[in-house]
Amino acid sequence: MPLAAFVTSIGVTNVVSEFTEQTLQRAGIVDQLTIDLCGAGFQVAIVLGGIFVGGYVDRTKEFKEVTLACLSATLGLLIFLG
């Protein structure tokens, strides 16, 4: 089961990365440097999130709680940001 979660996370990350440029252009951001920096920021956030959240889960073994917190935060931000 952990392998399925890992593969799914890679798939979601690739899909979001692929559509970042198109989404930003529809929002009126057309400067390529800005778009590139947003994509780089997304990748850095993934790495840092993996380090910090992964480290927390390794120490506490609260897999389900952390997963639910991350999903809840994602849902809340999607609703807030539209």
Protein backbone atom coordinates (compact mmCIF):
# COMPACT_ATOMS: atom_id res chain seq x y z
CA MET A 1 0.00 0.00 0.00
CA PRO A 2 2.79 2.54 0.69
CA LEU A 3 4.08 1.97 -2.84
CA ALA A 4 0.66 2.89 -4.28
CA ALA A 5 0.61 6.11 -2.25
CA PHE A 6 4.13 6.98 -3.40
CA VAL A 7 3.35 6.34 -7.07
CA THR A 8 0.12 8.34 -6.80
CA SER A 9 1.94 11.28 -5.24
CA ILE A 10 4.43 11.30 -8.11
CA GLY A 11 1.58 11.23 -10.62
CA VAL A 12 -0.25 14.12 -8.95
CA THR A 13 2.96 16.14 -8.75
CA ASN A 14 3.63 15.62 -12.46
CA VAL A 15 0.09 16.63 -13.42
CA VAL A 16 0.20 19.80 -11.32
CA SER A 17 3.63 20.68 -12.69
CA GLU A 18 2.45 20.17 -16.26
CA PHE A 19 -0.50 22.53 -15.93
CA THR A 20 1.24 25.25 -13.91
CA GLU A 21 2.26 27.29 -16.95
CA GLN A 22 -1.17 27.13 -18.58
CA THR A 23 -2.95 28.00 -15.32
CA LEU A 24 -0.71 30.99 -14.66
CA GLN A 25 -1.11 32.26 -18.22
CA ARG A 26 -4.90 32.08 -17.92
CA ALA A 27 -4.56 34.11 -14.71
CA GLY A 28 -2.74 36.80 -16.68
CA ILE A 29 0.83 35.95 -15.68
CA VAL A 30 2.76 35.74 -18.95
CA ASP A 31 6.34 36.57 -17.90
CA GLN A 32 8.26 33.34 -18.46
CA LEU A 33 10.70 34.00 -15.61
CA THR A 34 7.81 34.39 -13.16
CA ILE A 35 6.22 31.17 -14.41
CA ASP A 36 9.55 29.34 -14.11
CA LEU A 37 10.06 30.61 -10.57
CA CYS A 38 6.56 29.49 -9.60
CA GLY A 39 7.34 26.01 -10.93
CA ALA A 40 10.64 25.94 -9.08
CA GLY A 41 8.91 27.10 -5.89
CA PHE A 42 6.41 24.27 -6.25
CA GLN A 43 9.22 21.72 -6.55
CA VAL A 44 11.08 23.20 -3.56
CA ALA A 45 7.87 23.08 -1.51
CA ILE A 46 7.49 19.39 -2.36
CA VAL A 47 11.04 18.61 -1.27
CA LEU A 48 10.83 20.63 1.96
CA GLY A 49 7.39 19.26 2.76
CA GLY A 50 8.68 15.74 2.26
CA ILE A 51 11.60 16.38 4.57
CA PHE A 52 9.66 18.05 7.38
CA VAL A 53 6.38 16.15 7.21
CA GLY A 54 8.18 12.88 6.53
CA GLY A 55 10.49 13.46 9.47
CA TYR A 56 7.54 14.20 11.73
CA VAL A 57 5.73 11.05 10.63
CA ASP A 58 8.88 8.96 11.11
CA ARG A 59 9.26 10.22 14.68
CA THR A 60 5.60 10.08 15.77
CA LYS A 61 4.22 7.25 13.58
CA GLU A 62 1.01 9.28 13.16
CA PHE A 63 0.52 8.32 9.51
CA LYS A 64 -3.27 8.57 9.38
CA GLU A 65 -3.50 11.83 11.34
CA VAL A 66 -0.86 13.54 9.18
CA THR A 67 -2.47 12.30 5.97
CA LEU A 68 -5.88 13.58 7.06
CA ALA A 69 -4.37 16.91 8.12
CA CYS A 70 -2.66 17.31 4.73
CA LEU A 71 -5.84 16.42 2.84
CA SER A 72 -7.87 18.81 4.99
CA ALA A 73 -5.37 21.62 4.43
CA THR A 74 -5.47 20.93 0.68
CA LEU A 75 -9.27 21.03 0.59
CA GLY A 76 -9.36 24.21 2.66
CA LEU A 77 -6.83 25.96 0.42
CA LEU A 78 -8.64 24.85 -2.74
CA ILE A 79 -11.89 26.26 -1.42
CA PHE A 80 -10.21 29.47 -0.22
CA LEU A 81 -8.16 30.05 -3.39
CA GLY A 82 -10.87 28.86 -5.76
